[in-house]
Amino acid sequence: MLKLIAAAVLVLNVGAMRAQKPDQLFTATKQQLDVTKVVLAQETAWNKGDLEGYLGSFKDADDTVAMLAAPTRGMNNIRAAYRLNYPNAPSMGTLEESDVEVRALGEGFAMATGKYHLARSRKAGGDVDGTFTEVMEKTTAGWRVIFIETT
């Protein structure tokens, strides 16, 4: 897990360094690290075939939104849509996220963006590449996804 966090910090640093002068040092904030940990935990749960673990990072609220085939609101509807599209571990495949960047959106909110590669057999739907955007809210239970969109 420590290696994953270090890799995430490196990814955060690389993205921030592009916008800085070469002699400046970028240090990720606690908020960036905490949100990155959520993204890494999602990837870990997904790769174990643990859909409920993955969805556990979402805020259990009626106004949580997932942009799937159409906007899907509320955790019951989001959970049902994910179960329909990913009914088993082979359909979930292996998820690899990269170029993760985290940006604060004010007090108690952050946005994580990045790229993903989903490796699956042809029978399970084939490989998929794209980008993701997650808006998270700091709750009493920690950082939780309140909006997700993948393209």
Protein backbone atom coordinates (compact mmCIF):
# COMPACT_ATOMS: atom_id res chain seq x y z
CA MET A 1 0.00 0.00 0.00
CA LEU A 2 2.88 2.35 0.80
CA LYS A 3 4.22 1.83 -2.73
CA LEU A 4 0.82 2.77 -4.16
CA ILE A 5 0.68 5.94 -2.07
CA ALA A 6 4.23 6.84 -3.09
CA ALA A 7 3.31 6.26 -6.74
CA ALA A 8 0.24 8.45 -6.35
CA VAL A 9 2.30 11.23 -4.80
CA LEU A 10 4.73 10.93 -7.71
CA VAL A 11 1.84 11.20 -10.18
CA LEU A 12 0.54 14.25 -8.31
CA ASN A 13 4.02 15.74 -8.33
CA VAL A 14 4.53 15.16 -12.06
CA GLY A 15 1.25 16.89 -12.93
CA ALA A 16 2.01 19.84 -10.69
CA MET A 17 5.61 20.13 -11.87
CA ARG A 18 4.51 20.72 -15.45
CA ALA A 19 2.93 24.00 -14.33
CA GLN A 20 5.90 25.07 -12.18
CA LYS A 21 9.37 26.30 -12.84
CA PRO A 22 11.99 23.52 -12.81
CA ASP A 23 13.53 24.71 -9.54
CA GLN A 24 10.26 24.64 -7.57
CA LEU A 25 9.35 21.68 -5.37
CA PHE A 26 5.73 20.49 -5.20
CA THR A 27 4.42 18.98 -1.99
CA ALA A 28 1.00 17.36 -2.03
CA THR A 29 -1.43 18.65 0.59
CA LYS A 30 -3.04 16.35 3.15
CA GLN A 31 -6.31 16.75 1.25
CA GLN A 32 -4.66 15.63 -2.01
CA LEU A 33 -3.10 12.63 -0.29
CA ASP A 34 -6.36 11.65 1.43
CA VAL A 35 -8.36 11.86 -1.80
CA THR A 36 -5.66 9.93 -3.66
CA LYS A 37 -5.92 7.19 -1.03
CA VAL A 38 -9.64 6.87 -1.83
CA VAL A 39 -8.91 6.53 -5.56
CA LEU A 40 -6.27 3.87 -4.81
CA ALA A 41 -8.67 2.01 -2.49
CA GLN A 42 -11.30 2.02 -5.24
CA GLU A 43 -8.81 0.53 -7.69
CA THR A 44 -7.78 -2.14 -5.16
CA ALA A 45 -11.39 -3.13 -4.41
CA TRP A 46 -12.24 -3.22 -8.13
CA ASN A 47 -9.28 -5.46 -8.91
CA LYS A 48 -10.37 -7.89 -6.17
CA GLY A 49 -13.77 -8.14 -7.84
CA ASP A 50 -15.23 -6.38 -4.78
CA LEU A 51 -17.93 -4.18 -6.28
CA GLU A 52 -19.42 -3.38 -2.87
CA GLY A 53 -15.96 -2.30 -1.64
CA TYR A 54 -15.62 -0.05 -4.67
CA LEU A 55 -19.07 1.44 -4.15
CA GLY A 56 -18.28 1.92 -0.45
CA SER A 57 -16.27 4.98 -1.45
CA PHE A 58 -19.48 6.68 -2.65
CA LYS A 59 -21.62 8.85 -0.38
CA ASP A 60 -24.81 6.95 0.42
CA ALA A 61 -27.19 9.76 -0.49
CA ASP A 62 -30.07 10.42 -2.84
CA ASP A 63 -28.14 13.24 -4.53
CA THR A 64 -25.01 11.20 -5.35
CA VAL A 65 -24.70 11.10 -9.16
CA ALA A 66 -22.98 8.70 -11.55
CA MET A 67 -22.89 9.63 -15.22
CA LEU A 68 -23.42 6.21 -16.75
CA ALA A 69 -25.51 5.63 -19.90
CA ALA A 70 -27.64 8.42 -18.44
CA PRO A 71 -27.35 10.40 -15.20
CA THR A 72 -28.03 7.97 -12.37
CA ARG A 73 -29.00 9.46 -9.01
CA GLY A 74 -28.98 7.89 -5.58
CA MET A 75 -26.90 5.00 -4.29
CA ASN A 76 -29.63 2.40 -4.76
CA ASN A 77 -29.87 3.24 -8.46
CA ILE A 78 -26.09 3.56 -8.84
CA ARG A 79 -25.52 0.21 -7.14
CA ALA A 80 -28.14 -1.46 -9.38
CA ALA A 81 -26.56 0.01 -12.53
CA TYR A 82 -23.06 -1.14 -11.56
CA ARG A 83 -24.35 -4.63 -10.67
CA LEU A 84 -26.07 -4.85 -14.04
CA ASN A 85 -22.97 -3.79 -15.97
CA TYR A 86 -20.42 -5.62 -13.80
CA PRO A 87 -22.16 -8.75 -12.47
CA ASN A 88 -18.95 -10.69 -11.74
CA ALA A 89 -15.17 -10.40 -11.42
CA PRO A 90 -14.43 -11.25 -15.09
CA SER A 91 -16.73 -8.44 -16.27
CA MET A 92 -14.94 -6.07 -13.87
CA GLY A 93 -11.54 -7.04 -15.26
CA THR A 94 -8.40 -5.35 -14.00
CA LEU A 95 -8.42 -1.60 -13.52
CA GLU A 96 -5.30 0.54 -13.82
CA GLU A 97 -5.58 4.27 -13.14
CA SER A 98 -2.88 6.79 -14.08
CA ASP A 99 -2.20 10.52 -14.29
CA VAL A 100 -4.31 11.08 -11.19
CA GLU A 101 -4.55 14.73 -10.22
CA VAL A 102 -6.43 16.09 -7.22
CA ARG A 103 -7.67 19.65 -6.92
CA ALA A 104 -9.34 21.31 -3.95
CA LEU A 105 -12.78 22.72 -4.71
CA GLY A 106 -13.23 24.68 -1.53
CA GLU A 107 -13.76 23.67 2.05
CA GLY A 108 -14.66 19.99 2.21
CA PHE A 109 -14.74 19.27 -1.53
CA ALA A 110 -12.16 17.98 -4.03
CA MET A 111 -11.98 16.70 -7.57
CA ALA A 112 -9.88 13.76 -8.75
CA THR A 113 -9.23 13.31 -12.46
CA GLY A 114 -7.16 10.83 -14.39
CA LYS A 115 -6.97 8.12 -17.00
CA TYR A 116 -7.97 4.50 -16.69
CA HIS A 117 -7.37 1.25 -18.51
CA LEU A 118 -9.76 -1.63 -17.92
CA ALA A 119 -8.30 -4.93 -19.09
CA ARG A 120 -10.85 -7.68 -19.76
CA SER A 121 -11.14 -10.69 -21.96
CA ARG A 122 -13.01 -10.24 -25.22
CA LYS A 123 -15.75 -12.48 -23.86
CA ALA A 124 -16.14 -10.22 -20.81
CA GLY A 125 -16.41 -7.06 -22.93
CA GLY A 126 -12.85 -6.34 -24.00
CA ASP A 127 -10.43 -3.65 -22.95
CA VAL A 128 -11.58 -0.09 -22.33
CA ASP A 129 -9.52 3.09 -22.04
CA GLY A 130 -10.79 6.46 -20.93
CA THR A 131 -10.75 9.25 -18.41
CA PHE A 132 -12.52 9.76 -15.12
CA THR A 133 -13.66 12.67 -12.99
CA GLU A 134 -14.75 12.23 -9.40
CA VAL A 135 -16.00 14.98 -7.12
CA MET A 136 -15.63 14.07 -3.46
CA GLU A 137 -17.03 15.51 -0.28
CA LYS A 138 -15.36 15.30 3.13
CA THR A 139 -17.91 13.60 5.40
CA THR A 140 -17.75 12.30 8.95
CA ALA A 141 -16.94 8.91 7.37
CA GLY A 142 -14.07 10.40 5.33
CA TRP A 143 -13.87 11.44 1.68
CA ARG A 144 -16.80 10.11 -0.35
CA VAL A 145 -17.62 10.29 -4.06
CA ILE A 146 -20.67 12.47 -4.76
CA PHE A 147 -20.24 12.62 -8.56
CA ILE A 148 -18.45 10.37 -11.02
CA GLU A 149 -18.15 10.47 -14.78
CA THR A 150 -16.09 8.22 -17.04
CA THR A 151 -15.56 8.78 -20.73
